[in-house]
Amino acid sequence: MLLFLMPDGTTESLKRVFDYLEHGLGLERFMRLFPVCLTDNGSEFKKVNELELTEDLLYCTNVYYCDPMASWQKPHIEKNHEFIRYVIPRGKSLNPYTQKDMTLLMNHINSTRRPGLGNKAPYELISEEDEDMWALFHLLKMDLIPPDEVHLMPDLFTRNK
C-alpha cells in the first residue's frame, strides 16, 4: 500500500502524485507497476483521462471503479484502511501530518505480518530480483520495519520523532 498526503481531495492533487511516480520511476516502469488503478467513486478519480494519460496523451494506466457500497470488491485495501484508523482515528484532521508521517505509517502497515500472506508482511514478499519494486522502494523511502518494532497505535508519530 502506498500513502500520499494530499492537500485536498481533487483530481489535480492526485494527478500530481501520479506525475511524481511516473517521472520518478520513468514511464515504462510506472506502466509495469501500475497497469491498473482500482478505486472507489471518490471525486478525485472522476477525471479519468487526466489520470490515465500522460502529458503526451499516451495511456499509462487504466482506472477502474468498484461498485458503490461494495467494499468486498477490494477487501485488502479495506484492511489497510483499518490499520490507518488504528493510528489516525476517523474524523481526525490530517492537517498536522506530513508526507514523512505518511511514509512512516505506510512502512509500519506494509511491515505487518498477515495470515493471508503466509504470516509474512507485504514488504517481505518482494523478490530481490524485482528491480521495478526496488526502484519504487527507493523513490518513496520505503523500508521494512522489524516485526518487534511494528507499531500501529495513535502514538506512532510521537514515538518516532
N, C-alpha and C. Protein backbone atom coordinates (compact mmCIF):
# COMPACT_ATOMS: atom_id res chain seq x y z
N MET A 1 0.84 -1.17 0.00
CA MET A 1 0.00 0.00 0.00
C MET A 1 0.89 1.23 0.00
N LEU A 2 0.47 2.21 -0.80
CA LEU A 2 1.18 3.48 -0.85
C LEU A 2 0.29 4.53 -0.21
N LEU A 3 0.90 5.44 0.54
CA LEU A 3 0.16 6.53 1.19
C LEU A 3 0.75 7.86 0.77
N PHE A 4 -0.12 8.75 0.32
CA PHE A 4 0.30 10.09 -0.06
C PHE A 4 -0.63 11.09 0.61
N LEU A 5 -0.06 12.08 1.21
CA LEU A 5 -0.82 13.16 1.82
C LEU A 5 -1.13 14.18 0.74
N MET A 6 -2.41 14.42 0.52
CA MET A 6 -2.81 15.40 -0.49
C MET A 6 -3.49 16.56 0.22
N PRO A 7 -3.23 17.79 -0.22
CA PRO A 7 -3.77 18.96 0.47
C PRO A 7 -5.29 19.08 0.35
N ASP A 8 -5.85 18.42 -0.66
CA ASP A 8 -7.30 18.46 -0.86
C ASP A 8 -7.69 17.18 -1.59
N GLY A 9 -8.95 16.98 -1.81
CA GLY A 9 -9.41 15.76 -2.46
C GLY A 9 -9.71 15.97 -3.93
N THR A 10 -8.79 16.62 -4.63
CA THR A 10 -9.05 16.93 -6.04
C THR A 10 -8.27 16.03 -6.98
N THR A 11 -8.77 15.95 -8.20
CA THR A 11 -8.05 15.21 -9.24
C THR A 11 -6.68 15.81 -9.47
N GLU A 12 -6.57 17.13 -9.35
CA GLU A 12 -5.28 17.79 -9.59
C GLU A 12 -4.23 17.30 -8.58
N SER A 13 -4.63 17.16 -7.32
CA SER A 13 -3.69 16.66 -6.31
C SER A 13 -3.30 15.22 -6.59
N LEU A 14 -4.28 14.41 -6.97
CA LEU A 14 -3.99 13.03 -7.29
C LEU A 14 -3.11 12.92 -8.54
N LYS A 15 -3.37 13.76 -9.52
CA LYS A 15 -2.56 13.77 -10.73
C LYS A 15 -1.11 14.13 -10.41
N ARG A 16 -0.90 15.03 -9.46
CA ARG A 16 0.48 15.37 -9.05
C ARG A 16 1.18 14.13 -8.48
N VAL A 17 0.46 13.30 -7.74
CA VAL A 17 1.04 12.06 -7.22
C VAL A 17 1.38 11.12 -8.38
N PHE A 18 0.44 10.94 -9.31
CA PHE A 18 0.71 10.08 -10.47
C PHE A 18 1.92 10.60 -11.24
N ASP A 19 1.98 11.92 -11.47
CA ASP A 19 3.11 12.51 -12.21
C ASP A 19 4.42 12.30 -11.46
N TYR A 20 4.39 12.46 -10.14
CA TYR A 20 5.60 12.24 -9.33
C TYR A 20 6.09 10.81 -9.51
N LEU A 21 5.18 9.86 -9.44
CA LEU A 21 5.56 8.45 -9.60
C LEU A 21 6.06 8.18 -11.02
N GLU A 22 5.35 8.72 -12.00
CA GLU A 22 5.74 8.50 -13.40
C GLU A 22 7.12 9.09 -13.69
N HIS A 23 7.35 10.32 -13.26
CA HIS A 23 8.64 10.95 -13.52
C HIS A 23 9.76 10.32 -12.69
N GLY A 24 9.46 9.96 -11.45
CA GLY A 24 10.47 9.37 -10.58
C GLY A 24 10.88 7.97 -10.99
N LEU A 25 9.94 7.23 -11.58
CA LEU A 25 10.20 5.84 -11.97
C LEU A 25 10.53 5.69 -13.45
N GLY A 26 10.10 6.65 -14.24
CA GLY A 26 10.16 6.51 -15.69
C GLY A 26 8.85 5.90 -16.17
N LEU A 27 8.43 6.27 -17.37
CA LEU A 27 7.13 5.86 -17.88
C LEU A 27 6.99 4.34 -17.99
N GLU A 28 7.99 3.67 -18.54
CA GLU A 28 7.89 2.21 -18.72
C GLU A 28 7.75 1.49 -17.39
N ARG A 29 8.54 1.87 -16.42
CA ARG A 29 8.47 1.24 -15.10
C ARG A 29 7.14 1.55 -14.42
N PHE A 30 6.70 2.81 -14.53
CA PHE A 30 5.39 3.19 -13.98
C PHE A 30 4.30 2.30 -14.56
N MET A 31 4.32 2.10 -15.87
CA MET A 31 3.29 1.30 -16.54
C MET A 31 3.34 -0.16 -16.09
N ARG A 32 4.53 -0.69 -15.84
CA ARG A 32 4.63 -2.07 -15.36
C ARG A 32 4.12 -2.21 -13.93
N LEU A 33 4.41 -1.20 -13.09
CA LEU A 33 4.00 -1.26 -11.69
C LEU A 33 2.52 -0.93 -11.48
N PHE A 34 1.98 -0.05 -12.31
CA PHE A 34 0.62 0.44 -12.12
C PHE A 34 -0.23 0.29 -13.38
N PRO A 35 -0.39 -0.94 -13.89
CA PRO A 35 -1.21 -1.09 -15.09
C PRO A 35 -2.69 -0.81 -14.84
N VAL A 36 -3.10 -0.97 -13.57
CA VAL A 36 -4.50 -0.78 -13.19
C VAL A 36 -4.55 0.04 -11.91
N CYS A 37 -5.51 0.94 -11.86
CA CYS A 37 -5.82 1.67 -10.63
C CYS A 37 -7.27 1.32 -10.29
N LEU A 38 -7.46 0.48 -9.29
CA LEU A 38 -8.79 0.08 -8.83
C LEU A 38 -9.18 1.00 -7.69
N THR A 39 -10.30 1.68 -7.84
CA THR A 39 -10.62 2.73 -6.88
C THR A 39 -12.11 2.75 -6.54
N ASP A 40 -12.42 3.59 -5.58
CA ASP A 40 -13.82 3.85 -5.26
C ASP A 40 -14.29 4.99 -6.16
N ASN A 41 -15.44 5.53 -5.86
CA ASN A 41 -16.00 6.59 -6.70
C ASN A 41 -15.73 7.98 -6.15
N GLY A 42 -14.62 8.15 -5.45
CA GLY A 42 -14.26 9.45 -4.90
C GLY A 42 -14.10 10.50 -5.99
N SER A 43 -14.39 11.73 -5.64
CA SER A 43 -14.34 12.81 -6.63
C SER A 43 -12.96 13.00 -7.24
N GLU A 44 -11.90 12.63 -6.50
CA GLU A 44 -10.54 12.80 -7.03
C GLU A 44 -10.26 11.87 -8.21
N PHE A 45 -11.09 10.85 -8.42
CA PHE A 45 -10.89 9.89 -9.51
C PHE A 45 -11.82 10.13 -10.70
N LYS A 46 -12.56 11.23 -10.69
CA LYS A 46 -13.59 11.44 -11.70
C LYS A 46 -13.05 11.85 -13.07
N LYS A 47 -11.92 12.52 -13.12
CA LYS A 47 -11.37 12.97 -14.42
C LYS A 47 -10.42 11.89 -14.93
N VAL A 48 -11.02 10.83 -15.45
CA VAL A 48 -10.28 9.63 -15.83
C VAL A 48 -9.17 9.92 -16.83
N ASN A 49 -9.44 10.70 -17.85
CA ASN A 49 -8.41 10.96 -18.87
C ASN A 49 -7.19 11.62 -18.28
N GLU A 50 -7.36 12.50 -17.31
CA GLU A 50 -6.22 13.16 -16.69
C GLU A 50 -5.35 12.15 -15.93
N LEU A 51 -5.96 11.10 -15.41
CA LEU A 51 -5.22 10.11 -14.64
C LEU A 51 -4.63 9.01 -15.51
N GLU A 52 -5.35 8.62 -16.55
CA GLU A 52 -4.90 7.52 -17.39
C GLU A 52 -3.88 7.93 -18.44
N LEU A 53 -3.84 9.21 -18.79
CA LEU A 53 -2.99 9.66 -19.89
C LEU A 53 -1.81 10.48 -19.40
N THR A 54 -0.70 10.35 -20.10
CA THR A 54 0.48 11.18 -19.82
C THR A 54 0.26 12.56 -20.44
N GLU A 55 1.21 13.44 -20.20
CA GLU A 55 1.16 14.78 -20.81
C GLU A 55 1.18 14.69 -22.33
N ASP A 56 1.78 13.60 -22.87
CA ASP A 56 1.84 13.39 -24.32
C ASP A 56 0.64 12.58 -24.83
N LEU A 57 -0.37 12.41 -23.99
CA LEU A 57 -1.61 11.70 -24.32
C LEU A 57 -1.39 10.22 -24.62
N LEU A 58 -0.44 9.60 -23.94
CA LEU A 58 -0.23 8.16 -24.02
C LEU A 58 -0.87 7.52 -22.79
N TYR A 59 -1.51 6.36 -22.98
CA TYR A 59 -2.08 5.67 -21.82
C TYR A 59 -0.96 5.13 -20.95
N CYS A 60 -1.02 5.43 -19.66
CA CYS A 60 0.00 4.94 -18.73
C CYS A 60 -0.61 4.04 -17.66
N THR A 61 -1.92 4.05 -17.48
CA THR A 61 -2.62 3.18 -16.54
C THR A 61 -4.08 3.12 -16.95
N ASN A 62 -4.82 2.21 -16.33
CA ASN A 62 -6.26 2.09 -16.56
C ASN A 62 -6.97 2.21 -15.23
N VAL A 63 -7.93 3.12 -15.15
CA VAL A 63 -8.68 3.35 -13.93
C VAL A 63 -9.99 2.57 -14.01
N TYR A 64 -10.25 1.77 -12.96
CA TYR A 64 -11.50 1.02 -12.85
C TYR A 64 -12.12 1.34 -11.50
N TYR A 65 -13.44 1.38 -11.49
CA TYR A 65 -14.18 1.74 -10.27
C TYR A 65 -14.87 0.52 -9.68
N CYS A 66 -14.81 0.42 -8.36
CA CYS A 66 -15.62 -0.57 -7.66
C CYS A 66 -17.05 -0.05 -7.60
N ASP A 67 -17.98 -0.94 -7.42
CA ASP A 67 -19.37 -0.53 -7.26
C ASP A 67 -19.54 0.17 -5.92
N PRO A 68 -20.47 1.13 -5.85
CA PRO A 68 -20.74 1.81 -4.57
C PRO A 68 -21.17 0.79 -3.50
N MET A 69 -20.70 1.02 -2.30
CA MET A 69 -21.05 0.18 -1.15
C MET A 69 -20.63 -1.28 -1.34
N ALA A 70 -19.56 -1.51 -2.08
CA ALA A 70 -19.10 -2.87 -2.36
C ALA A 70 -17.65 -3.04 -1.92
N SER A 71 -17.40 -2.83 -0.63
CA SER A 71 -16.03 -2.92 -0.12
C SER A 71 -15.45 -4.32 -0.33
N TRP A 72 -16.30 -5.32 -0.50
CA TRP A 72 -15.83 -6.69 -0.75
C TRP A 72 -15.08 -6.80 -2.08
N GLN A 73 -15.24 -5.80 -2.97
CA GLN A 73 -14.54 -5.85 -4.25
C GLN A 73 -13.06 -5.50 -4.11
N LYS A 74 -12.67 -4.92 -2.99
CA LYS A 74 -11.26 -4.62 -2.71
C LYS A 74 -11.00 -4.80 -1.22
N PRO A 75 -11.15 -6.04 -0.73
CA PRO A 75 -11.07 -6.28 0.72
C PRO A 75 -9.70 -5.99 1.32
N HIS A 76 -8.64 -6.17 0.55
CA HIS A 76 -7.30 -5.97 1.12
C HIS A 76 -7.05 -4.50 1.43
N ILE A 77 -7.55 -3.61 0.61
CA ILE A 77 -7.37 -2.20 0.89
C ILE A 77 -8.22 -1.81 2.10
N GLU A 78 -9.35 -2.47 2.30
CA GLU A 78 -10.19 -2.16 3.46
C GLU A 78 -9.44 -2.51 4.75
N LYS A 79 -8.67 -3.58 4.75
CA LYS A 79 -7.87 -3.93 5.93
C LYS A 79 -6.81 -2.86 6.16
N ASN A 80 -6.22 -2.35 5.08
CA ASN A 80 -5.23 -1.28 5.23
C ASN A 80 -5.88 -0.03 5.81
N HIS A 81 -7.12 0.27 5.40
CA HIS A 81 -7.83 1.42 5.98
C HIS A 81 -8.02 1.22 7.48
N GLU A 82 -8.30 -0.01 7.88
CA GLU A 82 -8.44 -0.32 9.31
C GLU A 82 -7.12 -0.05 10.03
N PHE A 83 -6.01 -0.44 9.45
CA PHE A 83 -4.70 -0.18 10.05
C PHE A 83 -4.47 1.33 10.20
N ILE A 84 -4.84 2.09 9.17
CA ILE A 84 -4.68 3.55 9.25
C ILE A 84 -5.47 4.09 10.43
N ARG A 85 -6.69 3.60 10.63
CA ARG A 85 -7.56 4.09 11.71
C ARG A 85 -7.03 3.70 13.10
N TYR A 86 -6.19 2.69 13.19
CA TYR A 86 -5.54 2.40 14.48
C TYR A 86 -4.68 3.57 14.92
N VAL A 87 -4.10 4.25 13.95
CA VAL A 87 -3.15 5.33 14.21
C VAL A 87 -3.83 6.71 14.13
N ILE A 88 -4.66 6.88 13.12
CA ILE A 88 -5.36 8.16 12.91
C ILE A 88 -6.86 7.88 12.95
N PRO A 89 -7.51 8.15 14.07
CA PRO A 89 -8.94 7.84 14.19
C PRO A 89 -9.78 8.59 13.15
N ARG A 90 -10.86 7.96 12.72
CA ARG A 90 -11.80 8.57 11.78
C ARG A 90 -12.24 9.92 12.32
N GLY A 91 -12.30 10.91 11.45
CA GLY A 91 -12.73 12.24 11.83
C GLY A 91 -11.60 13.16 12.27
N LYS A 92 -10.42 12.60 12.55
CA LYS A 92 -9.29 13.43 12.95
C LYS A 92 -8.68 14.09 11.71
N SER A 93 -8.41 15.35 11.80
CA SER A 93 -7.85 16.09 10.69
C SER A 93 -6.46 15.57 10.33
N LEU A 94 -6.18 15.57 9.04
CA LEU A 94 -4.84 15.18 8.58
C LEU A 94 -3.90 16.39 8.51
N ASN A 95 -4.41 17.57 8.83
CA ASN A 95 -3.60 18.79 8.73
C ASN A 95 -2.28 18.75 9.50
N PRO A 96 -2.23 18.15 10.71
CA PRO A 96 -0.95 18.19 11.42
C PRO A 96 0.12 17.25 10.86
N TYR A 97 -0.25 16.40 9.91
CA TYR A 97 0.67 15.38 9.44
C TYR A 97 1.44 15.83 8.20
N THR A 98 2.59 15.21 8.00
CA THR A 98 3.44 15.49 6.85
C THR A 98 3.54 14.23 5.99
N GLN A 99 4.11 14.37 4.80
CA GLN A 99 4.34 13.19 3.98
C GLN A 99 5.31 12.24 4.67
N LYS A 100 6.24 12.77 5.44
CA LYS A 100 7.15 11.91 6.19
C LYS A 100 6.37 11.04 7.18
N ASP A 101 5.34 11.61 7.82
CA ASP A 101 4.48 10.83 8.72
C ASP A 101 3.76 9.73 7.95
N MET A 102 3.24 10.06 6.76
CA MET A 102 2.51 9.07 5.96
C MET A 102 3.45 7.94 5.52
N THR A 103 4.69 8.28 5.19
CA THR A 103 5.66 7.25 4.81
C THR A 103 5.95 6.33 5.99
N LEU A 104 6.07 6.90 7.18
CA LEU A 104 6.28 6.09 8.38
C LEU A 104 5.10 5.15 8.60
N LEU A 105 3.89 5.66 8.49
CA LEU A 105 2.70 4.83 8.66
C LEU A 105 2.65 3.75 7.59
N MET A 106 2.92 4.12 6.34
CA MET A 106 2.94 3.16 5.24
C MET A 106 3.93 2.04 5.52
N ASN A 107 5.11 2.40 6.03
CA ASN A 107 6.13 1.39 6.32
C ASN A 107 5.69 0.44 7.43
N HIS A 108 5.02 0.96 8.44
CA HIS A 108 4.53 0.10 9.52
C HIS A 108 3.41 -0.81 9.04
N ILE A 109 2.50 -0.29 8.24
CA ILE A 109 1.40 -1.11 7.71
C ILE A 109 1.95 -2.20 6.80
N ASN A 110 2.85 -1.84 5.90
CA ASN A 110 3.39 -2.82 4.95
C ASN A 110 4.39 -3.78 5.59
N SER A 111 4.75 -3.54 6.85
CA SER A 111 5.63 -4.43 7.59
C SER A 111 4.85 -5.33 8.54
N THR A 112 3.53 -5.19 8.54
CA THR A 112 2.68 -6.01 9.41
C THR A 112 2.46 -7.37 8.78
N ARG A 113 2.83 -8.40 9.54
CA ARG A 113 2.66 -9.77 9.05
C ARG A 113 1.17 -10.13 9.07
N ARG A 114 0.77 -10.89 8.04
CA ARG A 114 -0.65 -11.20 7.87
C ARG A 114 -0.85 -12.68 7.58
N PRO A 115 -1.85 -13.27 8.23
CA PRO A 115 -2.12 -14.71 7.99
C PRO A 115 -2.36 -15.03 6.52
N GLY A 116 -3.07 -14.17 5.81
CA GLY A 116 -3.37 -14.41 4.40
C GLY A 116 -2.16 -14.37 3.49
N LEU A 117 -1.04 -13.90 4.02
CA LEU A 117 0.21 -13.85 3.24
C LEU A 117 1.23 -14.85 3.78
N GLY A 118 0.72 -15.90 4.42
CA GLY A 118 1.62 -16.91 4.98
C GLY A 118 2.42 -16.37 6.15
N ASN A 119 1.79 -15.47 6.93
CA ASN A 119 2.43 -14.81 8.07
C ASN A 119 3.67 -14.00 7.67
N LYS A 120 3.62 -13.48 6.47
CA LYS A 120 4.66 -12.57 6.01
C LYS A 120 4.05 -11.18 5.88
N ALA A 121 4.92 -10.19 5.91
CA ALA A 121 4.50 -8.81 5.67
C ALA A 121 4.52 -8.56 4.17
N PRO A 122 3.68 -7.64 3.67
CA PRO A 122 3.74 -7.33 2.24
C PRO A 122 5.15 -7.02 1.76
N TYR A 123 5.91 -6.27 2.54
CA TYR A 123 7.28 -5.94 2.13
C TYR A 123 8.15 -7.19 1.98
N GLU A 124 7.86 -8.22 2.77
CA GLU A 124 8.67 -9.44 2.73
C GLU A 124 8.39 -10.28 1.48
N LEU A 125 7.38 -9.93 0.73
CA LEU A 125 7.03 -10.68 -0.48
C LEU A 125 7.75 -10.17 -1.72
N ILE A 126 8.50 -9.09 -1.57
CA ILE A 126 9.19 -8.51 -2.72
C ILE A 126 10.45 -9.31 -3.01
N SER A 127 10.55 -9.76 -4.25
CA SER A 127 11.70 -10.54 -4.69
C SER A 127 12.93 -9.65 -4.80
N GLU A 128 14.07 -10.21 -4.48
CA GLU A 128 15.34 -9.46 -4.62
C GLU A 128 15.59 -9.03 -6.06
N GLU A 129 15.03 -9.78 -7.02
CA GLU A 129 15.25 -9.51 -8.43
C GLU A 129 14.26 -8.50 -9.02
N ASP A 130 13.27 -8.08 -8.25
CA ASP A 130 12.23 -7.19 -8.76
C ASP A 130 12.72 -5.75 -8.79
N GLU A 131 13.42 -5.41 -9.85
CA GLU A 131 14.02 -4.07 -9.97
C GLU A 131 12.98 -2.96 -9.94
N ASP A 132 11.81 -3.21 -10.50
CA ASP A 132 10.76 -2.19 -10.51
C ASP A 132 10.32 -1.85 -9.09
N MET A 133 10.06 -2.87 -8.29
CA MET A 133 9.63 -2.61 -6.91
C MET A 133 10.74 -1.96 -6.10
N TRP A 134 11.98 -2.37 -6.31
CA TRP A 134 13.09 -1.75 -5.56
C TRP A 134 13.27 -0.29 -5.95
N ALA A 135 12.99 0.05 -7.21
CA ALA A 135 13.03 1.46 -7.63
C ALA A 135 11.93 2.24 -6.92
N LEU A 136 10.76 1.63 -6.79
CA LEU A 136 9.66 2.27 -6.07
C LEU A 136 10.03 2.44 -4.59
N PHE A 137 10.61 1.40 -3.99
CA PHE A 137 11.06 1.48 -2.59
C PHE A 137 12.01 2.65 -2.40
N HIS A 138 12.96 2.79 -3.31
CA HIS A 138 13.95 3.85 -3.21
C HIS A 138 13.30 5.23 -3.36
N LEU A 139 12.45 5.37 -4.37
CA LEU A 139 11.80 6.65 -4.64
C LEU A 139 10.96 7.11 -3.44
N LEU A 140 10.23 6.19 -2.83
CA LEU A 140 9.30 6.57 -1.76
C LEU A 140 9.85 6.36 -0.35
N LYS A 141 11.14 6.00 -0.25
CA LYS A 141 11.77 5.78 1.06
C LYS A 141 11.02 4.72 1.85
N MET A 142 10.72 3.62 1.17
CA MET A 142 10.01 2.51 1.79
C MET A 142 11.03 1.61 2.47
N ASP A 143 10.74 1.24 3.72
CA ASP A 143 11.65 0.41 4.50
C ASP A 143 10.88 -0.59 5.33
N LEU A 144 11.40 -1.81 5.39
CA LEU A 144 10.82 -2.84 6.25
C LEU A 144 11.11 -2.51 7.71
N ILE A 145 10.07 -2.52 8.53
CA ILE A 145 10.21 -2.32 9.97
C ILE A 145 10.34 -3.72 10.59
N PRO A 146 11.32 -3.96 11.46
CA PRO A 146 11.42 -5.28 12.10
C PRO A 146 10.12 -5.63 12.82
N PRO A 147 9.73 -6.91 12.79
CA PRO A 147 8.43 -7.31 13.36
C PRO A 147 8.19 -6.83 14.79
N ASP A 148 9.22 -6.85 15.62
CA ASP A 148 9.03 -6.44 17.02
C ASP A 148 8.99 -4.92 17.20
N GLU A 149 9.16 -4.17 16.09
CA GLU A 149 9.09 -2.71 16.16
C GLU A 149 7.87 -2.13 15.44
N VAL A 150 7.07 -2.99 14.79
CA VAL A 150 5.86 -2.51 14.12
C VAL A 150 4.92 -1.99 15.20
N HIS A 151 4.41 -0.78 14.98
CA HIS A 151 3.59 -0.11 16.00
C HIS A 151 2.46 0.64 15.31
N LEU A 152 1.26 0.10 15.40
CA LEU A 152 0.10 0.74 14.78
C LEU A 152 -0.84 1.24 15.87
N MET A 153 -0.37 2.25 16.58
CA MET A 153 -1.13 2.86 17.68
C MET A 153 -1.09 4.38 17.49
N PRO A 154 -2.00 5.11 18.15
CA PRO A 154 -2.07 6.56 17.96
C PRO A 154 -0.77 7.32 18.28
N ASP A 155 0.11 6.74 19.08
CA ASP A 155 1.35 7.44 19.41
C ASP A 155 2.50 7.11 18.44
N LEU A 156 2.19 6.51 17.29
CA LEU A 156 3.24 6.16 16.32
C LEU A 156 4.12 7.35 15.97
N PHE A 157 3.50 8.49 15.68
CA PHE A 157 4.28 9.64 15.20
C PHE A 157 5.09 10.29 16.32
N THR A 158 4.57 10.31 17.53
CA THR A 158 5.32 10.91 18.64
C THR A 158 6.46 10.00 19.09
N ARG A 159 6.28 8.70 18.96
CA ARG A 159 7.34 7.75 19.32
C ARG A 159 8.53 7.86 18.41
N ASN A 160 8.32 8.29 17.18
CA ASN A 160 9.36 8.28 16.17
C ASN A 160 9.89 9.67 15.83
N LYS A 161 9.71 10.63 16.71
CA LYS A 161 10.23 11.99 16.47
C LYS A 161 11.65 12.07 16.96
